[in-house]
Amino acid sequence: IELNKKILSIDAKHYFVYYDIAEAFRQLGNTSASLEYAKQALEFNPKDFFTLQLMTLIYHQLNDHDKTYEYAKRSLENLPKNVSRPPIKLYKTLKLFAIIPIIGKLSNNLHKEINNWGSWRKNWSDWATKYISWYENDRPNAR
């Protein structure tokens, strides 16, 4: 957290640093600090999926169903469609040299991450969709 704050003191334009601080505070259980930094991250990039997801989680921890619903919807609207091309291209390139043990291990790890992204993306999508459905069924005027 302190290193990230130092980075912001030098150049405050990096929204992902605000996101990192917000996530660290969330993991430490400091939801008010987490919320403060996540909001700052969204000021720089209001459509960043990861920050929208973080806001959903924070408001869910705070039992603020209205805000959880709002951010769950926004996160789904901005859910990345798939893994970006650079990791896939890198994996295919590394695979060519996988006979070298260190390259093979790196290639395998990258392949696992690419596969994890797909299941992680689906898990988030499923959870957010179910939450939105629950909220709208519980509050018919929410739509």
Protein backbone atom coordinates (compact mmCIF):
# COMPACT_ATOMS: atom_id res chain seq x y z
CA ILE A 1 0.00 0.00 0.00
CA GLU A 2 2.74 2.44 0.96
CA LEU A 3 4.69 1.84 -2.26
CA ASN A 4 1.57 2.45 -4.32
CA LYS A 5 0.87 5.65 -2.38
CA LYS A 6 4.41 6.78 -3.13
CA ILE A 7 3.81 6.13 -6.84
CA LEU A 8 0.66 8.28 -6.65
CA SER A 9 2.59 11.07 -4.95
CA ILE A 10 4.89 11.15 -7.99
CA ASP A 11 2.20 10.74 -10.64
CA ALA A 12 -1.46 10.49 -9.65
CA LYS A 13 -2.76 9.54 -13.11
CA HIS A 14 -2.42 5.76 -12.86
CA TYR A 15 -5.90 4.41 -12.12
CA PHE A 16 -4.60 0.86 -11.72
CA VAL A 17 -2.53 2.01 -8.72
CA TYR A 18 -5.73 3.29 -7.09
CA TYR A 19 -7.28 -0.09 -7.90
CA ASP A 20 -4.35 -1.97 -6.31
CA ILE A 21 -4.60 0.09 -3.13
CA ALA A 22 -8.39 -0.38 -3.04
CA GLU A 23 -8.04 -4.16 -3.41
CA ALA A 24 -5.36 -4.29 -0.70
CA PHE A 25 -7.58 -2.37 1.73
CA ARG A 26 -10.53 -4.64 0.86
CA GLN A 27 -8.46 -7.73 1.64
CA LEU A 28 -7.42 -6.14 4.94
CA GLY A 29 -11.09 -5.53 5.79
CA ASN A 30 -10.93 -1.74 5.54
CA THR A 31 -13.94 -1.24 3.29
CA SER A 32 -14.16 2.53 3.72
CA ALA A 33 -10.56 3.05 2.53
CA SER A 34 -11.10 0.47 -0.19
CA LEU A 35 -14.19 2.30 -1.40
CA GLU A 36 -12.38 5.66 -1.39
CA TYR A 37 -9.55 4.39 -3.63
CA ALA A 38 -11.85 2.40 -5.92
CA LYS A 39 -13.95 5.52 -6.53
CA GLN A 40 -10.79 7.41 -7.44
CA ALA A 41 -9.83 4.65 -9.88
CA LEU A 42 -13.25 4.94 -11.54
CA GLU A 43 -12.79 8.69 -11.94
CA PHE A 44 -9.88 7.92 -14.28
CA ASN A 45 -11.49 4.96 -16.04
CA PRO A 46 -15.26 4.65 -15.39
CA LYS A 47 -15.58 1.53 -17.55
CA ASP A 48 -12.74 -0.50 -16.06
CA PHE A 49 -14.21 -3.95 -15.47
CA PHE A 50 -11.90 -4.85 -12.59
CA THR A 51 -12.68 -1.69 -10.65
CA LEU A 52 -16.41 -2.12 -11.28
CA GLN A 53 -16.12 -5.69 -10.03
CA LEU A 54 -14.26 -4.46 -6.96
CA MET A 55 -16.96 -1.87 -6.26
CA THR A 56 -19.55 -4.67 -6.52
CA LEU A 57 -17.65 -6.75 -3.97
CA ILE A 58 -17.17 -3.82 -1.58
CA TYR A 59 -20.84 -2.87 -1.62
CA HIS A 60 -21.79 -6.51 -1.24
CA GLN A 61 -19.59 -6.70 1.87
CA LEU A 62 -21.35 -3.58 3.17
CA ASN A 63 -24.77 -5.18 2.48
CA ASP A 64 -25.70 -2.23 0.27
CA HIS A 65 -27.86 -4.14 -2.20
CA ASP A 66 -28.79 -1.11 -4.29
CA LYS A 67 -25.15 -0.24 -4.97
CA THR A 68 -24.18 -3.90 -5.39
CA TYR A 69 -26.88 -4.20 -8.05
CA GLU A 70 -25.75 -1.01 -9.80
CA TYR A 71 -22.11 -2.09 -9.97
CA ALA A 72 -22.90 -5.72 -10.83
CA LYS A 73 -24.82 -4.45 -13.87
CA ARG A 74 -22.04 -2.07 -14.85
CA SER A 75 -19.40 -4.78 -14.44
CA LEU A 76 -21.31 -7.12 -16.76
CA GLU A 77 -21.70 -4.34 -19.32
CA ASN A 78 -17.91 -3.98 -19.31
CA LEU A 79 -16.94 -7.64 -18.93
CA PRO A 80 -14.00 -8.37 -21.26
CA LYS A 81 -15.07 -10.74 -24.00
CA ASN A 82 -11.96 -12.91 -23.91
CA VAL A 83 -8.27 -13.04 -23.15
CA SER A 84 -6.43 -10.38 -25.08
CA ARG A 85 -4.36 -11.51 -28.04
CA PRO A 86 -0.86 -10.80 -26.65
CA PRO A 87 -0.98 -13.60 -24.01
CA ILE A 88 -2.30 -16.09 -26.59
CA LYS A 89 0.36 -15.12 -29.13
CA LEU A 90 3.03 -15.30 -26.43
CA TYR A 91 1.81 -18.76 -25.40
CA LYS A 92 1.96 -20.01 -29.00
CA THR A 93 5.48 -18.63 -29.38
CA LEU A 94 6.67 -20.13 -26.09
CA LYS A 95 5.13 -23.47 -27.01
CA LEU A 96 7.51 -23.66 -29.97
CA PHE A 97 10.46 -23.57 -27.55
CA ALA A 98 8.88 -25.69 -24.81
CA ILE A 99 11.59 -28.31 -25.11
CA ILE A 100 13.81 -25.97 -23.07
CA PRO A 101 12.73 -26.73 -19.46
CA ILE A 102 12.38 -23.14 -18.23
CA ILE A 103 10.47 -22.12 -21.38
CA GLY A 104 8.27 -25.20 -21.09
CA LYS A 105 7.38 -24.33 -17.50
CA LEU A 106 6.64 -20.72 -18.45
CA SER A 107 4.51 -21.90 -21.38
CA ASN A 108 2.52 -24.25 -19.11
CA ASN A 109 1.95 -21.52 -16.51
CA LEU A 110 0.74 -19.07 -19.14
CA HIS A 111 -1.59 -21.72 -20.59
CA LYS A 112 -3.09 -22.30 -17.11
CA GLU A 113 -3.64 -18.55 -16.67
CA ILE A 114 -5.38 -18.29 -20.03
CA ASN A 115 -7.65 -21.21 -19.10
CA ASN A 116 -8.27 -19.79 -15.62
CA TRP A 117 -9.39 -16.51 -17.18
CA GLY A 118 -12.16 -18.31 -19.06
CA SER A 119 -13.52 -20.10 -15.98
CA TRP A 120 -13.04 -17.06 -13.75
CA ARG A 121 -14.88 -14.87 -16.28
CA LYS A 122 -17.76 -17.37 -16.42
CA ASN A 123 -17.93 -17.62 -12.61
CA TRP A 124 -18.14 -13.83 -12.25
CA SER A 125 -20.70 -13.56 -15.02
CA ASP A 126 -22.84 -16.29 -13.43
CA TRP A 127 -22.66 -14.73 -9.95
CA ALA A 128 -23.42 -11.19 -11.15
CA THR A 129 -26.28 -12.39 -13.36
CA LYS A 130 -27.84 -14.35 -10.48
CA TYR A 131 -27.42 -11.40 -8.12
CA ILE A 132 -29.10 -9.04 -10.60
CA SER A 133 -31.93 -11.52 -11.11
CA TRP A 134 -32.39 -11.93 -7.34
CA TYR A 135 -32.39 -8.16 -6.84
CA GLU A 136 -34.90 -7.51 -9.63
CA ASN A 137 -37.20 -10.30 -8.41
CA ASP A 138 -36.96 -9.00 -4.84
CA ARG A 139 -37.53 -5.39 -5.93
CA PRO A 140 -39.84 -5.37 -8.99
CA ASN A 141 -39.43 -1.58 -9.45
CA ALA A 142 -35.63 -1.89 -9.74
CA ARG A 143 -35.52 -2.32 -13.52
